Amino acid sequence: MSHSDVALGGHHAPAMEPSPFAIPAIKLAMWLFIISDIMTFAACLVAYGFLRNATPNWPRPYHSSTIISVLVMTVILVTSSLIMLMAVRAARAGDRAAAFRWTMVTYAAGLLFVILHIREWFGMIGQGVTLTKNPWGTGLFGGAYFSVTGMELLHVIAALIALLVIGFGYKRGRYGAAHIENCHLFWQFINIVWMFVVPLVYLMDIAS
């Protein structure tokens, strides 16, 4: 009886076929997802930059408190990326307790980022900014602002869900170090995108 016959006879087949490339299939799938997601973020950022440069009276509603909050959010993300790297190293070393602990610390940092980001949104909404209007008369500002920052926020929330699922699954032995590393790759991608969002959306308004 062949291996495939045994698999069909009741044994569980592998969840993912081996990768024909030099990297594991699970990591290849994550890289392909990230590459496709880069195109989406690039389109949003280019569209925002085009609208901003094409609009002479583009609003500059960010106060010093907003910039300080954004800088704090940036520090949180950068720090969390280093913490997640420690989780990966612990997972590779087979230290499940340490890997789970560092993954949960990363989750806590990401949750704080989300809270600060939503707080910023409420501040903008309090100034009268919505998807279709704002008090400065530039109708596209709200849609562009919420689209770019909302994409980042949505990805962070998705990553937090993944950290919870993979983290607790890893603690119970359901997942391995490769899954922790995949979470790390996605988290680093989120950090890199944020480094483009901050200067384009916030800092350029201060410099101009």
C-alpha atoms as a PDB file:
ATOM      1  CA  MET A   1       0.000   0.000   0.000  1.00  0.00           C
ATOM      2  CA  SER A   2       1.430   3.387  -0.996  1.00  0.00           C
ATOM      3  CA  HIS A   3       1.795   6.363   1.296  1.00  0.00           C
ATOM      4  CA  SER A   4      -1.046   8.157  -0.470  1.00  0.00           C
ATOM      5  CA  ASP A   5      -3.275   5.129  -0.007  1.00  0.00           C
ATOM      6  CA  VAL A   6      -2.535   5.138   3.706  1.00  0.00           C
ATOM      7  CA  ALA A   7      -3.396   8.823   3.905  1.00  0.00           C
ATOM      8  CA  LEU A   8      -6.677   8.218   2.138  1.00  0.00           C
ATOM      9  CA  GLY A   9      -7.356   5.226   4.332  1.00  0.00           C
ATOM     10  CA  GLY A  10      -7.960   7.328   7.405  1.00  0.00           C
ATOM     11  CA  HIS A  11      -4.699   8.883   8.455  1.00  0.00           C
ATOM     12  CA  HIS A  12      -4.404  12.651   8.463  1.00  0.00           C
ATOM     13  CA  ALA A  13      -2.722  14.051   5.354  1.00  0.00           C
ATOM     14  CA  PRO A  14      -0.235  16.898   5.775  1.00  0.00           C
ATOM     15  CA  ALA A  15      -1.911  20.283   6.175  1.00  0.00           C
ATOM     16  CA  MET A  16       0.387  21.831   3.571  1.00  0.00           C
ATOM     17  CA  GLU A  17       2.406  20.238   0.791  1.00  0.00           C
ATOM     18  CA  PRO A  18       6.200  20.602   1.030  1.00  0.00           C
ATOM     19  CA  SER A  19       7.519  23.681  -0.714  1.00  0.00           C
ATOM     20  CA  PRO A  20       9.418  23.088  -3.976  1.00  0.00           C
ATOM     21  CA  PHE A  21      11.664  26.012  -3.001  1.00  0.00           C
ATOM     22  CA  ALA A  22      14.403  26.238  -0.384  1.00  0.00           C
ATOM     23  CA  ILE A  23      12.107  27.639   2.337  1.00  0.00           C
ATOM     24  CA  PRO A  24       9.260  25.882   4.160  1.00  0.00           C
ATOM     25  CA  ALA A  25       5.843  26.087   2.550  1.00  0.00           C
ATOM     26  CA  ILE A  26       4.299  27.895   5.529  1.00  0.00           C
ATOM     27  CA  LYS A  27       6.939  30.641   5.350  1.00  0.00           C
ATOM     28  CA  LEU A  28       6.627  30.862   1.553  1.00  0.00           C
ATOM     29  CA  ALA A  29       2.874  31.359   1.913  1.00  0.00           C
ATOM     30  CA  MET A  30       3.443  34.196   4.372  1.00  0.00           C
ATOM     31  CA  TRP A  31       5.986  35.876   2.077  1.00  0.00           C
ATOM     32  CA  LEU A  32       3.579  35.658  -0.858  1.00  0.00           C
ATOM     33  CA  PHE A  33       0.827  37.187   1.276  1.00  0.00           C
ATOM     34  CA  ILE A  34       3.119  39.998   2.415  1.00  0.00           C
ATOM     35  CA  ILE A  35       4.216  40.735  -1.158  1.00  0.00           C
ATOM     36  CA  SER A  36       0.607  40.973  -2.302  1.00  0.00           C
ATOM     37  CA  ASP A  37      -0.239  43.155   0.693  1.00  0.00           C
ATOM     38  CA  ILE A  38       2.643  45.480  -0.124  1.00  0.00           C
ATOM     39  CA  MET A  39       0.909  46.271  -3.418  1.00  0.00           C
ATOM     40  CA  THR A  40      -2.275  47.239  -1.574  1.00  0.00           C
ATOM     41  CA  PHE A  41      -0.487  49.481   0.897  1.00  0.00           C
ATOM     42  CA  ALA A  42       1.629  51.015  -1.865  1.00  0.00           C
ATOM     43  CA  ALA A  43      -1.498  51.914  -3.841  1.00  0.00           C
ATOM     44  CA  CYS A  44      -3.080  53.562  -0.777  1.00  0.00           C
ATOM     45  CA  LEU A  45       0.058  55.522   0.097  1.00  0.00           C
ATOM     46  CA  VAL A  46       0.643  56.676  -3.473  1.00  0.00           C
ATOM     47  CA  ALA A  47      -2.990  57.766  -3.766  1.00  0.00           C
ATOM     48  CA  TYR A  48      -2.723  59.681  -0.490  1.00  0.00           C
ATOM     49  CA  GLY A  49       0.488  61.391  -1.604  1.00  0.00           C
ATOM     50  CA  PHE A  50      -1.041  62.310  -4.956  1.00  0.00           C
ATOM     51  CA  LEU A  51      -4.162  63.798  -3.350  1.00  0.00           C
ATOM     52  CA  ARG A  52      -2.092  65.706  -0.826  1.00  0.00           C
ATOM     53  CA  ASN A  53       0.222  67.239  -3.429  1.00  0.00           C
ATOM     54  CA  ALA A  54      -2.649  68.011  -5.816  1.00  0.00           C
ATOM     55  CA  THR A  55      -4.652  69.883  -3.149  1.00  0.00           C
ATOM     56  CA  PRO A  56      -3.220  73.327  -2.292  1.00  0.00           C
ATOM     57  CA  ASN A  57      -5.351  73.719   0.843  1.00  0.00           C
ATOM     58  CA  TRP A  58      -4.698  70.235   2.215  1.00  0.00           C
ATOM     59  CA  PRO A  59      -5.638  70.304   5.928  1.00  0.00           C
ATOM     60  CA  ARG A  60      -2.993  70.212   8.645  1.00  0.00           C
ATOM     61  CA  PRO A  61      -5.077  69.310  11.687  1.00  0.00           C
ATOM     62  CA  TYR A  62      -2.421  67.587  13.775  1.00  0.00           C
ATOM     63  CA  HIS A  63      -1.648  69.251  17.079  1.00  0.00           C
ATOM     64  CA  SER A  64       1.495  68.704  19.156  1.00  0.00           C
ATOM     65  CA  SER A  65      -0.384  66.197  21.329  1.00  0.00           C
ATOM     66  CA  THR A  66      -1.226  64.179  18.209  1.00  0.00           C
ATOM     67  CA  ILE A  67       2.395  64.096  17.050  1.00  0.00           C
ATOM     68  CA  ILE A  68       3.568  63.060  20.519  1.00  0.00           C
ATOM     69  CA  SER A  69       0.982  60.281  20.523  1.00  0.00           C
ATOM     70  CA  VAL A  70       2.122  59.118  17.079  1.00  0.00           C
ATOM     71  CA  LEU A  71       5.757  59.085  18.206  1.00  0.00           C
ATOM     72  CA  VAL A  72       4.785  57.042  21.276  1.00  0.00           C
ATOM     73  CA  MET A  73       2.915  54.622  19.022  1.00  0.00           C
ATOM     74  CA  THR A  74       6.016  54.332  16.857  1.00  0.00           C
ATOM     75  CA  VAL A  75       8.226  53.556  19.844  1.00  0.00           C
ATOM     76  CA  ILE A  76       5.715  50.916  20.955  1.00  0.00           C
ATOM     77  CA  LEU A  77       5.749  49.202  17.563  1.00  0.00           C
ATOM     78  CA  VAL A  78       9.536  49.271  17.236  1.00  0.00           C
ATOM     79  CA  THR A  79       9.942  47.896  20.757  1.00  0.00           C
ATOM     80  CA  SER A  80       7.346  45.202  20.133  1.00  0.00           C
ATOM     81  CA  SER A  81       9.199  44.076  17.010  1.00  0.00           C
ATOM     82  CA  LEU A  82      12.316  43.459  19.116  1.00  0.00           C
ATOM     83  CA  ILE A  83      10.235  41.617  21.695  1.00  0.00           C
ATOM     84  CA  MET A  84       8.718  39.427  18.993  1.00  0.00           C
ATOM     85  CA  LEU A  85      12.223  38.618  17.791  1.00  0.00           C
ATOM     86  CA  MET A  86      12.974  37.322  21.284  1.00  0.00           C
ATOM     87  CA  ALA A  87       9.893  35.114  21.036  1.00  0.00           C
ATOM     88  CA  VAL A  88      11.199  33.653  17.774  1.00  0.00           C
ATOM     89  CA  ARG A  89      14.614  32.954  19.285  1.00  0.00           C
ATOM     90  CA  ALA A  90      13.024  31.250  22.287  1.00  0.00           C
ATOM     91  CA  ALA A  91      10.805  29.158  20.017  1.00  0.00           C
ATOM     92  CA  ARG A  92      13.779  28.057  17.924  1.00  0.00           C
ATOM     93  CA  ALA A  93      15.570  27.066  21.123  1.00  0.00           C
ATOM     94  CA  GLY A  94      12.582  24.982  22.165  1.00  0.00           C
ATOM     95  CA  ASP A  95      11.737  27.174  25.173  1.00  0.00           C
ATOM     96  CA  ARG A  96       7.947  27.195  24.882  1.00  0.00           C
ATOM     97  CA  ALA A  97       7.362  29.108  28.115  1.00  0.00           C
ATOM     98  CA  ALA A  98       9.637  31.988  27.116  1.00  0.00           C
ATOM     99  CA  ALA A  99       8.333  32.058  23.537  1.00  0.00           C
ATOM    100  CA  PHE A 100       4.748  32.241  24.779  1.00  0.00           C
ATOM    101  CA  ARG A 101       5.635  34.930  27.319  1.00  0.00           C
ATOM    102  CA  TRP A 102       7.352  37.176  24.754  1.00  0.00           C
ATOM    103  CA  THR A 103       4.503  36.622  22.284  1.00  0.00           C
ATOM    104  CA  MET A 104       1.995  37.801  24.880  1.00  0.00           C
ATOM    105  CA  VAL A 105       4.152  40.851  25.689  1.00  0.00           C
ATOM    106  CA  THR A 106       4.099  41.670  21.973  1.00  0.00           C
ATOM    107  CA  TYR A 107       0.321  41.263  22.028  1.00  0.00           C
ATOM    108  CA  ALA A 108       0.046  43.695  24.971  1.00  0.00           C
ATOM    109  CA  ALA A 109       2.193  46.269  23.141  1.00  0.00           C
ATOM    110  CA  GLY A 110       0.087  45.888  20.008  1.00  0.00           C
ATOM    111  CA  LEU A 111      -3.096  46.300  22.012  1.00  0.00           C
ATOM    112  CA  LEU A 112      -1.745  49.542  23.484  1.00  0.00           C
ATOM    113  CA  PHE A 113      -0.968  50.735  19.948  1.00  0.00           C
ATOM    114  CA  VAL A 114      -4.566  50.007  18.903  1.00  0.00           C
ATOM    115  CA  ILE A 115      -5.964  51.902  21.907  1.00  0.00           C
ATOM    116  CA  LEU A 116      -3.818  54.958  21.148  1.00  0.00           C
ATOM    117  CA  HIS A 117      -4.736  54.780  17.453  1.00  0.00           C
ATOM    118  CA  ILE A 118      -8.463  54.632  18.191  1.00  0.00           C
ATOM    119  CA  ARG A 119      -8.004  57.515  20.641  1.00  0.00           C
ATOM    120  CA  GLU A 120      -6.427  59.519  17.806  1.00  0.00           C
ATOM    121  CA  TRP A 121      -9.371  58.649  15.552  1.00  0.00           C
ATOM    122  CA  PHE A 122     -11.838  59.916  18.144  1.00  0.00           C
ATOM    123  CA  GLY A 123      -9.830  63.127  18.349  1.00  0.00           C
ATOM    124  CA  MET A 124     -10.138  63.606  14.580  1.00  0.00           C
ATOM    125  CA  ILE A 125     -13.825  62.737  14.638  1.00  0.00           C
ATOM    126  CA  GLY A 126     -14.236  65.264  17.438  1.00  0.00           C
ATOM    127  CA  GLN A 127     -12.868  67.912  15.080  1.00  0.00           C
ATOM    128  CA  GLY A 128     -15.604  67.016  12.588  1.00  0.00           C
ATOM    129  CA  VAL A 129     -13.615  64.724  10.281  1.00  0.00           C
ATOM    130  CA  THR A 130     -15.535  61.888   8.596  1.00  0.00           C
ATOM    131  CA  LEU A 131     -15.006  59.783   5.496  1.00  0.00           C
ATOM    132  CA  THR A 132     -16.833  62.339   3.337  1.00  0.00           C
ATOM    133  CA  LYS A 133     -16.413  65.716   4.997  1.00  0.00           C
ATOM    134  CA  ASN A 134     -14.266  67.830   7.302  1.00  0.00           C
ATOM    135  CA  PRO A 135     -14.423  71.387   8.673  1.00  0.00           C
ATOM    136  CA  TRP A 136     -11.629  72.587   6.344  1.00  0.00           C
ATOM    137  CA  GLY A 137     -13.561  72.065   3.134  1.00  0.00           C
ATOM    138  CA  THR A 138     -11.305  69.461   1.548  1.00  0.00           C
ATOM    139  CA  GLY A 139     -13.702  66.573   1.098  1.00  0.00           C
ATOM    140  CA  LEU A 140     -11.127  63.946   0.206  1.00  0.00           C
ATOM    141  CA  PHE A 141      -9.031  64.447   3.329  1.00  0.00           C
ATOM    142  CA  GLY A 142     -11.210  62.345   5.626  1.00  0.00           C
ATOM    143  CA  GLY A 143     -11.479  59.456   3.203  1.00  0.00           C
ATOM    144  CA  ALA A 144      -7.734  59.464   2.516  1.00  0.00           C
ATOM    145  CA  TYR A 145      -6.789  59.771   6.185  1.00  0.00           C
ATOM    146  CA  PHE A 146      -9.106  57.026   7.435  1.00  0.00           C
ATOM    147  CA  SER A 147      -8.229  54.746   4.523  1.00  0.00           C
ATOM    148  CA  VAL A 148      -4.461  54.845   5.087  1.00  0.00           C
ATOM    149  CA  THR A 149      -4.500  54.752   8.875  1.00  0.00           C
ATOM    150  CA  GLY A 150      -7.424  52.332   8.879  1.00  0.00           C
ATOM    151  CA  MET A 151      -5.507  49.860   6.734  1.00  0.00           C
ATOM    152  CA  GLU A 152      -2.672  49.913   9.250  1.00  0.00           C
ATOM    153  CA  LEU A 153      -5.054  49.587  12.189  1.00  0.00           C
ATOM    154  CA  LEU A 154      -6.887  46.685  10.543  1.00  0.00           C
ATOM    155  CA  HIS A 155      -3.616  44.830   9.981  1.00  0.00           C
ATOM    156  CA  VAL A 156      -2.525  45.353  13.584  1.00  0.00           C
ATOM    157  CA  ILE A 157      -5.850  43.982  14.839  1.00  0.00           C
ATOM    158  CA  ALA A 158      -5.537  40.981  12.526  1.00  0.00           C
ATOM    159  CA  ALA A 159      -1.994  40.406  13.805  1.00  0.00           C
ATOM    160  CA  LEU A 160      -3.207  40.580  17.405  1.00  0.00           C
ATOM    161  CA  ILE A 161      -5.796  37.899  16.693  1.00  0.00           C
ATOM    162  CA  ALA A 162      -3.079  35.763  15.106  1.00  0.00           C
ATOM    163  CA  LEU A 163      -0.802  36.272  18.107  1.00  0.00           C
ATOM    164  CA  LEU A 164      -3.509  35.057  20.459  1.00  0.00           C
ATOM    165  CA  VAL A 165      -4.442  32.021  18.368  1.00  0.00           C
ATOM    166  CA  ILE A 166      -0.881  30.993  17.532  1.00  0.00           C
ATOM    167  CA  GLY A 167       0.466  31.882  20.968  1.00  0.00           C
ATOM    168  CA  PHE A 168      -1.975  29.750  22.938  1.00  0.00           C
ATOM    169  CA  GLY A 169      -1.858  27.021  20.302  1.00  0.00           C
ATOM    170  CA  TYR A 170       1.922  26.987  20.561  1.00  0.00           C
ATOM    171  CA  LYS A 171       1.735  26.799  24.347  1.00  0.00           C
ATOM    172  CA  ARG A 172      -0.490  23.711  24.081  1.00  0.00           C
ATOM    173  CA  GLY A 173       1.844  22.115  21.539  1.00  0.00           C
ATOM    174  CA  ARG A 174      -0.479  22.483  18.575  1.00  0.00           C
ATOM    175  CA  TYR A 175       1.849  24.821  16.674  1.00  0.00           C
ATOM    176  CA  GLY A 176       5.603  24.949  16.270  1.00  0.00           C
ATOM    177  CA  ALA A 177       8.378  27.499  16.014  1.00  0.00           C
ATOM    178  CA  ALA A 178       7.603  28.067  12.316  1.00  0.00           C
ATOM    179  CA  HIS A 179       4.198  29.496  13.251  1.00  0.00           C
ATOM    180  CA  ILE A 180       5.748  31.889  15.773  1.00  0.00           C
ATOM    181  CA  GLU A 181       8.223  32.959  13.096  1.00  0.00           C
ATOM    182  CA  ASN A 182       5.370  33.605  10.660  1.00  0.00           C
ATOM    183  CA  CYS A 183       3.723  35.884  13.214  1.00  0.00           C
ATOM    184  CA  HIS A 184       7.057  37.645  13.539  1.00  0.00           C
ATOM    185  CA  LEU A 185       7.284  38.192   9.766  1.00  0.00           C
ATOM    186  CA  PHE A 186       3.807  39.697   9.632  1.00  0.00           C
ATOM    187  CA  TRP A 187       4.493  41.883  12.664  1.00  0.00           C
ATOM    188  CA  GLN A 188       7.703  43.206  11.111  1.00  0.00           C
ATOM    189  CA  PHE A 189       5.803  43.968   7.909  1.00  0.00           C
ATOM    190  CA  ILE A 190       3.291  46.022   9.904  1.00  0.00           C
ATOM    191  CA  ASN A 191       6.168  47.937  11.502  1.00  0.00           C
ATOM    192  CA  ILE A 192       7.731  48.734   8.136  1.00  0.00           C
ATOM    193  CA  VAL A 193       4.439  50.004   6.723  1.00  0.00           C
ATOM    194  CA  TRP A 194       3.961  52.247   9.754  1.00  0.00           C
ATOM    195  CA  MET A 195       7.358  53.821   9.059  1.00  0.00           C
ATOM    196  CA  PHE A 196       5.955  55.009   5.728  1.00  0.00           C
ATOM    197  CA  VAL A 197       2.606  56.109   7.154  1.00  0.00           C
ATOM    198  CA  VAL A 198       4.085  58.352   9.869  1.00  0.00           C
ATOM    199  CA  PRO A 199       6.160  60.688   7.645  1.00  0.00           C
ATOM    200  CA  LEU A 200       3.615  60.782   4.813  1.00  0.00           C
ATOM    201  CA  VAL A 201       0.492  61.411   6.897  1.00  0.00           C
ATOM    202  CA  TYR A 202       1.840  63.248   9.949  1.00  0.00           C
ATOM    203  CA  LEU A 203       5.390  64.559   9.739  1.00  0.00           C
ATOM    204  CA  MET A 204       5.127  66.146   6.286  1.00  0.00           C
ATOM    205  CA  ASP A 205       2.385  68.375   7.622  1.00  0.00           C
ATOM    206  CA  ILE A 206       4.774  69.713  10.240  1.00  0.00           C
ATOM    207  CA  ALA A 207       7.615  70.289   7.790  1.00  0.00           C
ATOM    208  CA  SER A 208       5.443  71.999   5.174  1.00  0.00           C
END
